[in-house]
């Protein structure tokens, strides 16, 4: 595997992961009440807890994307 191939893979992985987080945010924003009703059937959960779980999940996902995909991609871009 060449450095150029790895850099390309990391670039596309970053794009895909940021697209996933964008879709998650849009769905969460537009369909908040429907999602809450669906999840509250399965779990006893308050609105505040539901929101905090989703925002924490989005934050961890975004941080993971930045640290594991974007940072190595940028490092390889700057070195090459």
N, C-alpha and C. Protein backbone atom coordinates (compact mmCIF):
# COMPACT_ATOMS: atom_id res chain seq x y z
N UNK A 1 0.85 -1.17 0.00
CA UNK A 1 0.00 0.00 0.00
C UNK A 1 0.90 1.23 0.00
N UNK A 2 0.66 2.10 -0.95
CA UNK A 2 1.47 3.30 -1.05
C UNK A 2 0.90 4.40 -0.15
N UNK A 3 1.73 5.39 0.09
CA UNK A 3 1.29 6.54 0.91
C UNK A 3 0.16 7.28 0.20
N UNK A 4 0.24 7.39 -1.11
CA UNK A 4 -0.80 8.09 -1.87
C UNK A 4 -2.14 7.37 -1.75
N UNK A 5 -2.13 6.05 -1.81
CA UNK A 5 -3.36 5.27 -1.66
C UNK A 5 -3.93 5.43 -0.25
N UNK A 6 -3.08 5.36 0.75
CA UNK A 6 -3.53 5.53 2.13
C UNK A 6 -4.09 6.92 2.36
N UNK A 7 -3.45 7.93 1.77
CA UNK A 7 -3.96 9.30 1.89
C UNK A 7 -5.32 9.43 1.23
N UNK A 8 -5.50 8.80 0.09
CA UNK A 8 -6.79 8.82 -0.60
C UNK A 8 -7.87 8.13 0.23
N UNK A 9 -7.52 7.00 0.82
CA UNK A 9 -8.48 6.27 1.66
C UNK A 9 -8.89 7.12 2.86
N UNK A 10 -7.92 7.75 3.51
CA UNK A 10 -8.23 8.60 4.67
C UNK A 10 -9.08 9.80 4.26
N UNK A 11 -8.81 10.36 3.09
CA UNK A 11 -9.61 11.49 2.62
C UNK A 11 -11.05 11.11 2.39
N UNK A 12 -11.26 9.98 1.72
CA UNK A 12 -12.63 9.53 1.47
C UNK A 12 -13.32 9.09 2.76
N UNK A 13 -12.57 8.48 3.66
CA UNK A 13 -13.16 8.10 4.95
C UNK A 13 -13.61 9.33 5.72
N UNK A 14 -12.84 10.40 5.64
CA UNK A 14 -13.22 11.65 6.30
C UNK A 14 -14.50 12.20 5.70
N UNK A 15 -14.58 12.22 4.38
CA UNK A 15 -15.78 12.72 3.71
C UNK A 15 -17.00 11.89 4.09
N UNK A 16 -16.87 10.58 4.08
CA UNK A 16 -17.99 9.70 4.41
C UNK A 16 -18.41 9.89 5.87
N UNK A 17 -17.44 9.94 6.78
CA UNK A 17 -17.78 10.10 8.20
C UNK A 17 -18.42 11.45 8.49
N UNK A 18 -17.94 12.51 7.85
CA UNK A 18 -18.57 13.82 8.06
C UNK A 18 -19.96 13.86 7.44
N UNK A 19 -20.18 13.11 6.36
CA UNK A 19 -21.53 13.01 5.78
C UNK A 19 -22.47 12.28 6.74
N UNK A 20 -21.97 11.24 7.39
CA UNK A 20 -22.79 10.50 8.36
C UNK A 20 -23.19 11.42 9.51
N UNK A 21 -22.25 12.20 10.04
CA UNK A 21 -22.58 13.08 11.15
C UNK A 21 -23.54 14.18 10.71
N UNK A 22 -23.42 14.64 9.48
CA UNK A 22 -24.35 15.65 8.96
C UNK A 22 -25.76 15.08 8.84
N UNK A 23 -25.87 13.87 8.29
CA UNK A 23 -27.19 13.23 8.17
C UNK A 23 -27.78 12.99 9.55
N UNK A 24 -26.96 12.52 10.49
CA UNK A 24 -27.42 12.30 11.87
C UNK A 24 -27.98 13.59 12.46
N UNK A 25 -27.25 14.70 12.30
CA UNK A 25 -27.69 15.98 12.84
C UNK A 25 -28.98 16.45 12.18
N UNK A 26 -29.08 16.33 10.86
CA UNK A 26 -30.28 16.79 10.15
C UNK A 26 -31.49 15.96 10.56
N UNK A 27 -31.33 14.64 10.61
CA UNK A 27 -32.44 13.77 11.02
C UNK A 27 -32.84 14.06 12.47
N UNK A 28 -31.84 14.23 13.32
CA UNK A 28 -32.13 14.52 14.73
C UNK A 28 -32.86 15.86 14.87
N UNK A 29 -32.48 16.83 14.08
CA UNK A 29 -33.11 18.16 14.15
C UNK A 29 -34.52 18.14 13.59
N UNK A 30 -34.70 17.53 12.42
CA UNK A 30 -36.00 17.57 11.76
C UNK A 30 -37.01 16.60 12.36
N UNK A 31 -36.56 15.46 12.86
CA UNK A 31 -37.46 14.43 13.35
C UNK A 31 -37.26 14.14 14.84
N UNK A 32 -36.94 15.17 15.58
CA UNK A 32 -36.62 15.01 17.01
C UNK A 32 -37.76 14.33 17.77
N UNK A 33 -38.96 14.84 17.62
CA UNK A 33 -40.09 14.30 18.39
C UNK A 33 -40.41 12.85 18.00
N UNK A 34 -40.36 12.55 16.71
CA UNK A 34 -40.62 11.17 16.26
C UNK A 34 -39.55 10.23 16.79
N UNK A 35 -38.29 10.66 16.76
CA UNK A 35 -37.21 9.82 17.30
C UNK A 35 -37.39 9.62 18.80
N UNK A 36 -37.77 10.68 19.49
CA UNK A 36 -37.96 10.56 20.93
C UNK A 36 -39.10 9.59 21.25
N UNK A 37 -40.20 9.69 20.52
CA UNK A 37 -41.32 8.76 20.76
C UNK A 37 -40.90 7.32 20.51
N UNK A 38 -40.15 7.10 19.45
CA UNK A 38 -39.69 5.76 19.12
C UNK A 38 -38.79 5.21 20.23
N UNK A 39 -37.82 6.00 20.67
CA UNK A 39 -36.89 5.53 21.68
C UNK A 39 -37.53 5.45 23.07
N UNK A 40 -38.48 6.30 23.35
CA UNK A 40 -39.12 6.25 24.67
C UNK A 40 -40.02 5.03 24.81
N UNK A 41 -40.39 4.38 23.70
CA UNK A 41 -41.12 3.11 23.78
C UNK A 41 -40.20 2.00 24.29
N UNK A 42 -38.92 2.09 23.93
CA UNK A 42 -37.96 1.06 24.31
C UNK A 42 -37.32 1.33 25.66
N UNK A 43 -37.07 2.62 25.97
CA UNK A 43 -36.35 2.99 27.19
C UNK A 43 -37.11 4.08 27.93
N UNK A 44 -37.04 4.05 29.24
CA UNK A 44 -37.58 5.14 30.06
C UNK A 44 -36.53 6.24 30.06
N UNK A 45 -36.79 7.30 29.32
CA UNK A 45 -35.78 8.35 29.13
C UNK A 45 -36.47 9.70 29.03
N UNK A 46 -35.86 10.72 29.62
CA UNK A 46 -36.41 12.07 29.55
C UNK A 46 -35.92 12.76 28.28
N UNK A 47 -36.59 13.87 27.93
CA UNK A 47 -36.17 14.64 26.76
C UNK A 47 -34.73 15.13 26.92
N UNK A 48 -34.40 15.62 28.10
CA UNK A 48 -33.06 16.16 28.33
C UNK A 48 -32.00 15.07 28.19
N UNK A 49 -32.27 13.90 28.73
CA UNK A 49 -31.32 12.79 28.65
C UNK A 49 -31.17 12.32 27.20
N UNK A 50 -32.29 12.25 26.50
CA UNK A 50 -32.29 11.87 25.08
C UNK A 50 -31.42 12.82 24.27
N UNK A 51 -31.62 14.13 24.48
CA UNK A 51 -30.82 15.12 23.76
C UNK A 51 -29.34 15.02 24.12
N UNK A 52 -29.04 14.86 25.39
CA UNK A 52 -27.64 14.81 25.81
C UNK A 52 -26.94 13.57 25.27
N UNK A 53 -27.65 12.45 25.20
CA UNK A 53 -27.05 11.23 24.63
C UNK A 53 -26.71 11.43 23.16
N UNK A 54 -27.64 12.02 22.41
CA UNK A 54 -27.39 12.23 20.99
C UNK A 54 -26.28 13.24 20.75
N UNK A 55 -26.29 14.34 21.48
CA UNK A 55 -25.23 15.34 21.28
C UNK A 55 -23.88 14.80 21.71
N UNK A 56 -23.82 14.01 22.76
CA UNK A 56 -22.55 13.40 23.17
C UNK A 56 -22.09 12.39 22.12
N UNK A 57 -23.01 11.62 21.58
CA UNK A 57 -22.66 10.67 20.52
C UNK A 57 -22.13 11.38 19.28
N UNK A 58 -22.78 12.48 18.89
CA UNK A 58 -22.30 13.26 17.76
C UNK A 58 -20.91 13.83 18.03
N UNK A 59 -20.70 14.31 19.25
CA UNK A 59 -19.40 14.89 19.61
C UNK A 59 -18.30 13.83 19.55
N UNK A 60 -18.54 12.66 20.14
CA UNK A 60 -17.54 11.58 20.10
C UNK A 60 -17.26 11.13 18.67
N UNK A 61 -18.29 11.01 17.87
CA UNK A 61 -18.13 10.59 16.48
C UNK A 61 -17.30 11.61 15.71
N UNK A 62 -17.61 12.90 15.92
CA UNK A 62 -16.88 13.95 15.22
C UNK A 62 -15.42 14.01 15.67
N UNK A 63 -15.18 13.91 16.97
CA UNK A 63 -13.81 13.91 17.48
C UNK A 63 -13.04 12.71 16.94
N UNK A 64 -13.68 11.55 16.92
CA UNK A 64 -13.04 10.36 16.37
C UNK A 64 -12.70 10.53 14.89
N UNK A 65 -13.61 11.14 14.15
CA UNK A 65 -13.35 11.39 12.73
C UNK A 65 -12.17 12.33 12.55
N UNK A 66 -12.13 13.38 13.35
CA UNK A 66 -11.03 14.34 13.23
C UNK A 66 -9.70 13.70 13.61
N UNK A 67 -9.69 12.93 14.69
CA UNK A 67 -8.43 12.36 15.17
C UNK A 67 -7.95 11.18 14.34
N UNK A 68 -8.87 10.34 13.90
CA UNK A 68 -8.48 9.10 13.22
C UNK A 68 -8.47 9.18 11.70
N UNK A 69 -9.15 10.17 11.13
CA UNK A 69 -9.19 10.29 9.67
C UNK A 69 -8.57 11.60 9.19
N UNK A 70 -9.06 12.71 9.71
CA UNK A 70 -8.64 14.01 9.17
C UNK A 70 -7.21 14.36 9.55
N UNK A 71 -6.82 14.15 10.79
CA UNK A 71 -5.46 14.51 11.21
C UNK A 71 -4.40 13.71 10.44
N UNK A 72 -4.53 12.38 10.31
CA UNK A 72 -3.54 11.66 9.50
C UNK A 72 -3.56 12.08 8.03
N UNK A 73 -4.75 12.36 7.50
CA UNK A 73 -4.85 12.82 6.11
C UNK A 73 -4.10 14.13 5.92
N UNK A 74 -4.31 15.08 6.81
CA UNK A 74 -3.61 16.37 6.72
C UNK A 74 -2.11 16.20 6.91
N UNK A 75 -1.71 15.35 7.84
CA UNK A 75 -0.27 15.12 8.05
C UNK A 75 0.37 14.54 6.79
N UNK A 76 -0.29 13.59 6.16
CA UNK A 76 0.26 13.01 4.94
C UNK A 76 0.26 14.01 3.78
N UNK A 77 -0.74 14.88 3.75
CA UNK A 77 -0.79 15.90 2.72
C UNK A 77 0.34 16.91 2.88
N UNK A 78 0.60 17.33 4.12
CA UNK A 78 1.65 18.31 4.37
C UNK A 78 3.04 17.72 4.12
N UNK A 79 3.23 16.45 4.44
CA UNK A 79 4.53 15.80 4.26
C UNK A 79 4.81 15.57 2.77
N UNK A 80 3.76 15.20 2.04
CA UNK A 80 3.93 14.90 0.60
C UNK A 80 4.01 16.16 -0.17
